[in-house]
Amino acid sequence: MSYLNRITVDLEQCSGRPCIRGMRIRVKDVLEMLAGGASETQILEDFPDLEAADIRACLQYASAQVNHTVLQAV
């Protein structure tokens, strides 16, 4: 299942950084909280407008961003 439709990019909002469902909650903020050891429950408590699927969308978005071909010069 793809959650990527929950991630929005608007040049007028958060300097064009990816956000969640048009809110001013950046994907980066959620990812940093996860990396810092916050649980899904803690994140949802800190951001009551978020849903569990939004957190999964952030992870899916990050995964898609690092899944690219790396070219090396020979």
N, C-alpha and C. Protein backbone atom coordinates (compact mmCIF):
# COMPACT_ATOMS: atom_id res chain seq x y z
N MET A 1 0.84 -1.19 0.00
CA MET A 1 0.00 0.00 0.00
C MET A 1 0.88 1.24 0.00
N SER A 2 0.53 2.19 -0.82
CA SER A 2 1.32 3.42 -0.88
C SER A 2 0.66 4.51 -0.02
N TYR A 3 1.49 5.12 0.79
CA TYR A 3 1.04 6.23 1.63
C TYR A 3 1.52 7.57 1.08
N LEU A 4 2.20 7.53 -0.05
CA LEU A 4 2.86 8.74 -0.56
C LEU A 4 1.89 9.86 -0.91
N ASN A 5 0.61 9.55 -1.09
CA ASN A 5 -0.36 10.62 -1.38
C ASN A 5 -0.57 11.51 -0.16
N ARG A 6 -0.06 11.12 0.99
CA ARG A 6 -0.16 11.94 2.20
C ARG A 6 0.95 12.99 2.28
N ILE A 7 1.96 12.87 1.45
CA ILE A 7 3.09 13.80 1.46
C ILE A 7 2.84 14.87 0.40
N THR A 8 2.92 16.13 0.82
CA THR A 8 2.68 17.25 -0.09
C THR A 8 3.89 18.17 -0.12
N VAL A 9 4.07 18.80 -1.26
CA VAL A 9 5.14 19.78 -1.43
C VAL A 9 4.52 21.04 -2.02
N ASP A 10 4.67 22.14 -1.32
CA ASP A 10 4.12 23.43 -1.75
C ASP A 10 5.20 24.47 -1.56
N LEU A 11 5.60 25.11 -2.63
CA LEU A 11 6.68 26.09 -2.56
C LEU A 11 6.35 27.25 -1.62
N GLU A 12 5.08 27.48 -1.36
CA GLU A 12 4.65 28.57 -0.47
C GLU A 12 4.62 28.15 1.00
N GLN A 13 4.90 26.89 1.26
CA GLN A 13 4.80 26.37 2.63
C GLN A 13 6.10 25.68 3.02
N CYS A 14 6.64 26.04 4.15
CA CYS A 14 7.86 25.42 4.69
C CYS A 14 8.99 25.40 3.66
N SER A 15 9.10 26.46 2.88
CA SER A 15 10.15 26.62 1.86
C SER A 15 10.19 25.46 0.87
N GLY A 16 9.03 24.87 0.61
CA GLY A 16 8.95 23.79 -0.37
C GLY A 16 9.38 22.44 0.16
N ARG A 17 9.62 22.35 1.45
CA ARG A 17 10.01 21.05 2.02
C ARG A 17 8.78 20.14 2.12
N PRO A 18 8.98 18.84 1.98
CA PRO A 18 7.85 17.91 2.05
C PRO A 18 7.15 17.97 3.41
N CYS A 19 5.83 18.07 3.37
CA CYS A 19 5.01 18.14 4.57
C CYS A 19 3.96 17.03 4.53
N ILE A 20 3.23 16.94 5.60
CA ILE A 20 2.21 15.90 5.71
C ILE A 20 0.83 16.51 5.49
N ARG A 21 0.14 16.01 4.49
CA ARG A 21 -1.24 16.40 4.16
C ARG A 21 -1.49 17.90 4.17
N GLY A 22 -0.55 18.66 3.65
CA GLY A 22 -0.73 20.10 3.53
C GLY A 22 -0.59 20.87 4.83
N MET A 23 -0.27 20.16 5.91
CA MET A 23 -0.05 20.84 7.19
C MET A 23 1.38 21.34 7.26
N ARG A 24 1.68 22.11 8.25
CA ARG A 24 3.04 22.61 8.42
C ARG A 24 3.87 21.67 9.30
N ILE A 25 3.61 20.41 9.17
CA ILE A 25 4.40 19.38 9.85
C ILE A 25 5.26 18.74 8.78
N ARG A 26 6.58 18.96 8.89
CA ARG A 26 7.49 18.48 7.86
C ARG A 26 7.81 17.00 8.05
N VAL A 27 8.02 16.32 6.94
CA VAL A 27 8.45 14.92 6.97
C VAL A 27 9.72 14.82 7.80
N LYS A 28 10.63 15.75 7.62
CA LYS A 28 11.90 15.77 8.33
C LYS A 28 11.70 15.76 9.85
N ASP A 29 10.73 16.50 10.33
CA ASP A 29 10.48 16.57 11.77
C ASP A 29 10.08 15.20 12.33
N VAL A 30 9.20 14.52 11.61
CA VAL A 30 8.75 13.20 12.06
C VAL A 30 9.90 12.20 11.99
N LEU A 31 10.68 12.25 10.91
CA LEU A 31 11.82 11.33 10.78
C LEU A 31 12.86 11.57 11.87
N GLU A 32 13.12 12.82 12.20
CA GLU A 32 14.08 13.12 13.26
C GLU A 32 13.60 12.61 14.61
N MET A 33 12.30 12.72 14.86
CA MET A 33 11.76 12.20 16.11
C MET A 33 11.92 10.69 16.17
N LEU A 34 11.63 10.01 15.07
CA LEU A 34 11.81 8.56 15.03
C LEU A 34 13.27 8.18 15.24
N ALA A 35 14.16 8.89 14.57
CA ALA A 35 15.59 8.62 14.71
C ALA A 35 16.08 8.88 16.13
N GLY A 36 15.44 9.81 16.80
CA GLY A 36 15.80 10.13 18.18
C GLY A 36 15.22 9.17 19.20
N GLY A 37 14.46 8.19 18.73
CA GLY A 37 13.93 7.18 19.63
C GLY A 37 12.48 7.37 20.05
N ALA A 38 11.81 8.39 19.51
CA ALA A 38 10.41 8.60 19.86
C ALA A 38 9.55 7.47 19.29
N SER A 39 8.58 7.06 20.05
CA SER A 39 7.67 6.02 19.58
C SER A 39 6.56 6.67 18.74
N GLU A 40 5.85 5.84 18.00
CA GLU A 40 4.72 6.34 17.22
C GLU A 40 3.71 7.02 18.15
N THR A 41 3.48 6.42 19.30
CA THR A 41 2.54 6.98 20.26
C THR A 41 2.97 8.37 20.72
N GLN A 42 4.26 8.53 21.00
CA GLN A 42 4.77 9.84 21.44
C GLN A 42 4.61 10.89 20.35
N ILE A 43 4.88 10.51 19.11
CA ILE A 43 4.75 11.45 17.99
C ILE A 43 3.30 11.87 17.82
N LEU A 44 2.39 10.91 17.91
CA LEU A 44 0.97 11.21 17.76
C LEU A 44 0.47 12.08 18.91
N GLU A 45 1.05 11.94 20.08
CA GLU A 45 0.69 12.81 21.20
C GLU A 45 1.21 14.22 20.99
N ASP A 46 2.43 14.34 20.45
CA ASP A 46 3.03 15.65 20.20
C ASP A 46 2.35 16.40 19.05
N PHE A 47 1.85 15.64 18.08
CA PHE A 47 1.19 16.22 16.90
C PHE A 47 -0.21 15.60 16.78
N PRO A 48 -1.19 16.10 17.52
CA PRO A 48 -2.52 15.48 17.53
C PRO A 48 -3.22 15.44 16.17
N ASP A 49 -2.80 16.27 15.22
CA ASP A 49 -3.42 16.25 13.90
C ASP A 49 -2.89 15.13 13.02
N LEU A 50 -1.81 14.49 13.44
CA LEU A 50 -1.24 13.38 12.67
C LEU A 50 -2.02 12.10 12.90
N GLU A 51 -1.91 11.20 11.94
CA GLU A 51 -2.46 9.86 12.04
C GLU A 51 -1.31 8.87 11.88
N ALA A 52 -1.51 7.66 12.35
CA ALA A 52 -0.47 6.64 12.25
C ALA A 52 -0.03 6.46 10.79
N ALA A 53 -0.96 6.53 9.87
CA ALA A 53 -0.61 6.38 8.45
C ALA A 53 0.32 7.50 7.97
N ASP A 54 0.27 8.66 8.60
CA ASP A 54 1.17 9.76 8.24
C ASP A 54 2.62 9.40 8.58
N ILE A 55 2.81 8.74 9.70
CA ILE A 55 4.16 8.32 10.09
C ILE A 55 4.69 7.29 9.10
N ARG A 56 3.85 6.35 8.71
CA ARG A 56 4.25 5.36 7.70
C ARG A 56 4.56 6.05 6.38
N ALA A 57 3.81 7.09 6.05
CA ALA A 57 4.06 7.84 4.82
C ALA A 57 5.44 8.50 4.85
N CYS A 58 5.82 9.03 6.00
CA CYS A 58 7.15 9.65 6.14
C CYS A 58 8.25 8.61 5.90
N LEU A 59 8.07 7.44 6.46
CA LEU A 59 9.07 6.38 6.28
C LEU A 59 9.11 5.93 4.82
N GLN A 60 7.96 5.79 4.20
CA GLN A 60 7.92 5.39 2.80
C GLN A 60 8.55 6.46 1.91
N TYR A 61 8.30 7.72 2.23
CA TYR A 61 8.88 8.82 1.46
C TYR A 61 10.41 8.79 1.58
N ALA A 62 10.91 8.62 2.79
CA ALA A 62 12.36 8.57 3.00
C ALA A 62 12.98 7.40 2.26
N SER A 63 12.32 6.27 2.29
CA SER A 63 12.82 5.10 1.58
C SER A 63 12.89 5.36 0.07
N ALA A 64 11.88 5.99 -0.46
CA ALA A 64 11.87 6.30 -1.90
C ALA A 64 12.99 7.28 -2.26
N GLN A 65 13.30 8.20 -1.36
CA GLN A 65 14.33 9.21 -1.64
C GLN A 65 15.73 8.61 -1.71
N VAL A 66 15.98 7.58 -0.94
CA VAL A 66 17.33 6.99 -0.95
C VAL A 66 17.45 5.85 -1.95
N ASN A 67 16.37 5.52 -2.62
CA ASN A 67 16.39 4.43 -3.59
C ASN A 67 16.65 4.99 -4.99
N HIS A 68 17.86 5.40 -5.22
CA HIS A 68 18.23 5.92 -6.53
C HIS A 68 19.58 5.36 -6.93
N THR A 69 19.82 5.37 -8.21
CA THR A 69 21.06 4.86 -8.75
C THR A 69 22.20 5.82 -8.43
N VAL A 70 23.32 5.26 -8.03
CA VAL A 70 24.52 6.05 -7.76
C VAL A 70 25.49 5.81 -8.91
N LEU A 71 25.84 6.87 -9.60
CA LEU A 71 26.78 6.76 -10.71
C LEU A 71 28.19 7.08 -10.23
N GLN A 72 29.13 6.29 -10.67
CA GLN A 72 30.53 6.51 -10.31
C GLN A 72 31.33 6.81 -11.57
N ALA A 73 32.19 7.79 -11.47
CA ALA A 73 33.07 8.09 -12.61
C ALA A 73 34.19 7.05 -12.64
N VAL A 74 34.52 6.64 -13.83
CA VAL A 74 35.61 5.67 -14.00
C VAL A 74 36.81 6.30 -14.62
